[in-house]
């Protein structure tokens, strides 16, 4: 299944890349950490690595390393504003549990 961005997330990434003056898209992944085992990684990408899986959503390239793909399969990345807080939110259908502090998850 593809990895997608909501329209809000795509606009945020496009605006940031324009301000930054470089970049090809956003790189998503997972790392081992926290009380539930895995945490999301998100960074702006200047180039695609040869092994990256590349998806495109609302005109934005989403790069995923092969090790993270099985954990992120079908994930939608959103950009939300709640009161004074704003940030990216992962809507991952593979997520089975999340720790109480929200820093890590389990599949």
C-alpha atoms as a PDB file:
ATOM      1  CA  UNK A   1       0.000   0.000   0.000  1.00  0.00           C
ATOM      2  CA  UNK A   2       1.243   3.516  -0.668  1.00  0.00           C
ATOM      3  CA  UNK A   3       2.429   6.004   1.921  1.00  0.00           C
ATOM      4  CA  UNK A   4       0.396   9.208   1.573  1.00  0.00           C
ATOM      5  CA  UNK A   5       0.276  12.775   2.827  1.00  0.00           C
ATOM      6  CA  UNK A   6      -2.852  14.731   3.570  1.00  0.00           C
ATOM      7  CA  UNK A   7      -3.268  17.983   1.687  1.00  0.00           C
ATOM      8  CA  UNK A   8      -2.274  19.918   4.855  1.00  0.00           C
ATOM      9  CA  UNK A   9       0.916  17.872   5.278  1.00  0.00           C
ATOM     10  CA  UNK A  10       1.850  18.278   1.611  1.00  0.00           C
ATOM     11  CA  UNK A  11       1.369  22.051   1.767  1.00  0.00           C
ATOM     12  CA  UNK A  12       3.495  22.279   4.911  1.00  0.00           C
ATOM     13  CA  UNK A  13       6.319  20.251   3.320  1.00  0.00           C
ATOM     14  CA  UNK A  14       6.170  22.274   0.083  1.00  0.00           C
ATOM     15  CA  UNK A  15       6.289  25.581   1.988  1.00  0.00           C
ATOM     16  CA  UNK A  16       9.213  24.426   4.120  1.00  0.00           C
ATOM     17  CA  UNK A  17      11.188  23.166   1.107  1.00  0.00           C
ATOM     18  CA  UNK A  18      10.548  26.476  -0.694  1.00  0.00           C
ATOM     19  CA  UNK A  19      11.817  28.474   2.314  1.00  0.00           C
ATOM     20  CA  UNK A  20      14.788  26.165   2.654  1.00  0.00           C
ATOM     21  CA  UNK A  21      15.625  26.565  -1.032  1.00  0.00           C
ATOM     22  CA  UNK A  22      16.459  22.904  -1.593  1.00  0.00           C
ATOM     23  CA  UNK A  23      15.158  19.387  -1.098  1.00  0.00           C
ATOM     24  CA  UNK A  24      13.317  16.701  -3.004  1.00  0.00           C
ATOM     25  CA  UNK A  25      10.741  15.728  -0.391  1.00  0.00           C
ATOM     26  CA  UNK A  26      10.362  14.136   3.005  1.00  0.00           C
ATOM     27  CA  UNK A  27      12.000  10.963   4.345  1.00  0.00           C
ATOM     28  CA  UNK A  28      10.004   8.787   6.746  1.00  0.00           C
ATOM     29  CA  UNK A  29      11.272   5.857   8.773  1.00  0.00           C
ATOM     30  CA  UNK A  30      11.242   4.091  12.115  1.00  0.00           C
ATOM     31  CA  UNK A  31      13.895   3.542  14.760  1.00  0.00           C
ATOM     32  CA  UNK A  32      14.082   1.255  17.775  1.00  0.00           C
ATOM     33  CA  UNK A  33      13.524   3.254  20.972  1.00  0.00           C
ATOM     34  CA  UNK A  34      11.078   4.096  23.743  1.00  0.00           C
ATOM     35  CA  UNK A  35       8.921   1.966  25.975  1.00  0.00           C
ATOM     36  CA  UNK A  36       6.856   0.448  23.148  1.00  0.00           C
ATOM     37  CA  UNK A  37       9.773  -0.378  20.857  1.00  0.00           C
ATOM     38  CA  UNK A  38       9.577   1.845  17.763  1.00  0.00           C
ATOM     39  CA  UNK A  39       9.496   5.578  17.085  1.00  0.00           C
ATOM     40  CA  UNK A  40       8.833   7.505  13.887  1.00  0.00           C
ATOM     41  CA  UNK A  41      11.580   9.424  12.101  1.00  0.00           C
ATOM     42  CA  UNK A  42      10.856  12.327   9.788  1.00  0.00           C
ATOM     43  CA  UNK A  43      13.354  14.541   7.992  1.00  0.00           C
ATOM     44  CA  UNK A  44      13.540  16.623   4.868  1.00  0.00           C
ATOM     45  CA  UNK A  45      15.481  14.897   2.096  1.00  0.00           C
ATOM     46  CA  UNK A  46      17.900  16.579  -0.282  1.00  0.00           C
ATOM     47  CA  UNK A  47      18.295  13.460  -2.454  1.00  0.00           C
ATOM     48  CA  UNK A  48      16.913   9.954  -2.765  1.00  0.00           C
ATOM     49  CA  UNK A  49      19.179   7.050  -1.842  1.00  0.00           C
ATOM     50  CA  UNK A  50      19.377   4.209  -4.391  1.00  0.00           C
ATOM     51  CA  UNK A  51      17.575   1.808  -2.024  1.00  0.00           C
ATOM     52  CA  UNK A  52      14.713   4.211  -1.146  1.00  0.00           C
ATOM     53  CA  UNK A  53      11.133   3.401  -2.015  1.00  0.00           C
ATOM     54  CA  UNK A  54       9.640   6.585  -3.468  1.00  0.00           C
ATOM     55  CA  UNK A  55       5.961   7.509  -3.299  1.00  0.00           C
ATOM     56  CA  UNK A  56       4.363  10.750  -4.410  1.00  0.00           C
ATOM     57  CA  UNK A  57       1.382  12.361  -2.728  1.00  0.00           C
ATOM     58  CA  UNK A  58      -0.117  15.773  -3.558  1.00  0.00           C
ATOM     59  CA  UNK A  59       3.036  16.618  -5.513  1.00  0.00           C
ATOM     60  CA  UNK A  60       5.445  15.747  -2.676  1.00  0.00           C
ATOM     61  CA  UNK A  61       7.921  12.865  -2.815  1.00  0.00           C
ATOM     62  CA  UNK A  62       7.891  10.559   0.203  1.00  0.00           C
ATOM     63  CA  UNK A  63      11.086   8.507   0.622  1.00  0.00           C
ATOM     64  CA  UNK A  64      11.139   5.339   2.736  1.00  0.00           C
ATOM     65  CA  UNK A  65      14.086   3.059   3.505  1.00  0.00           C
ATOM     66  CA  UNK A  66      13.379  -0.653   2.839  1.00  0.00           C
ATOM     67  CA  UNK A  67      13.664  -1.647   6.530  1.00  0.00           C
ATOM     68  CA  UNK A  68      10.952   0.822   7.560  1.00  0.00           C
ATOM     69  CA  UNK A  69       8.531   0.069   4.731  1.00  0.00           C
ATOM     70  CA  UNK A  70       6.821  -2.914   6.380  1.00  0.00           C
ATOM     71  CA  UNK A  71       6.138  -0.823   9.523  1.00  0.00           C
ATOM     72  CA  UNK A  72       4.829   2.177   7.559  1.00  0.00           C
ATOM     73  CA  UNK A  73       2.859   0.368   4.839  1.00  0.00           C
ATOM     74  CA  UNK A  74      -0.431   2.232   4.322  1.00  0.00           C
ATOM     75  CA  UNK A  75       0.493   5.142   6.625  1.00  0.00           C
ATOM     76  CA  UNK A  76      -0.950   8.613   6.091  1.00  0.00           C
ATOM     77  CA  UNK A  77       1.054  11.597   7.325  1.00  0.00           C
ATOM     78  CA  UNK A  78      -1.019  14.575   8.433  1.00  0.00           C
ATOM     79  CA  UNK A  79      -0.088  18.042   9.675  1.00  0.00           C
ATOM     80  CA  UNK A  80      -2.366  19.155  12.496  1.00  0.00           C
ATOM     81  CA  UNK A  81      -2.832  22.242  14.629  1.00  0.00           C
ATOM     82  CA  UNK A  82      -4.401  21.825  18.034  1.00  0.00           C
ATOM     83  CA  UNK A  83      -4.526  25.033  20.034  1.00  0.00           C
ATOM     84  CA  UNK A  84      -0.977  26.386  20.221  1.00  0.00           C
ATOM     85  CA  UNK A  85       0.526  23.026  19.223  1.00  0.00           C
ATOM     86  CA  UNK A  86       1.228  21.991  15.650  1.00  0.00           C
ATOM     87  CA  UNK A  87       3.061  19.126  14.070  1.00  0.00           C
ATOM     88  CA  UNK A  88       3.022  16.000  11.969  1.00  0.00           C
ATOM     89  CA  UNK A  89       0.782  13.096  12.945  1.00  0.00           C
ATOM     90  CA  UNK A  90       1.251   9.533  11.681  1.00  0.00           C
ATOM     91  CA  UNK A  91      -1.985   7.653  10.961  1.00  0.00           C
ATOM     92  CA  UNK A  92      -0.557   4.138  10.741  1.00  0.00           C
ATOM     93  CA  UNK A  93      -2.931   1.167  10.280  1.00  0.00           C
ATOM     94  CA  UNK A  94      -0.161  -1.192  11.467  1.00  0.00           C
ATOM     95  CA  UNK A  95       0.145   0.470  14.878  1.00  0.00           C
ATOM     96  CA  UNK A  96      -1.221  -1.846  17.581  1.00  0.00           C
ATOM     97  CA  UNK A  97      -0.298   0.079  20.708  1.00  0.00           C
ATOM     98  CA  UNK A  98       1.259   3.397  21.698  1.00  0.00           C
ATOM     99  CA  UNK A  99       3.064   4.244  24.909  1.00  0.00           C
ATOM    100  CA  UNK A 100       1.448   6.640  27.367  1.00  0.00           C
ATOM    101  CA  UNK A 101       3.774   9.517  26.524  1.00  0.00           C
ATOM    102  CA  UNK A 102       3.151   9.126  22.774  1.00  0.00           C
ATOM    103  CA  UNK A 103       6.839   8.807  21.885  1.00  0.00           C
ATOM    104  CA  UNK A 104       6.834   5.215  20.683  1.00  0.00           C
ATOM    105  CA  UNK A 105       4.552   2.551  19.252  1.00  0.00           C
ATOM    106  CA  UNK A 106       4.292  -1.203  18.644  1.00  0.00           C
ATOM    107  CA  UNK A 107       3.122  -3.131  15.591  1.00  0.00           C
END
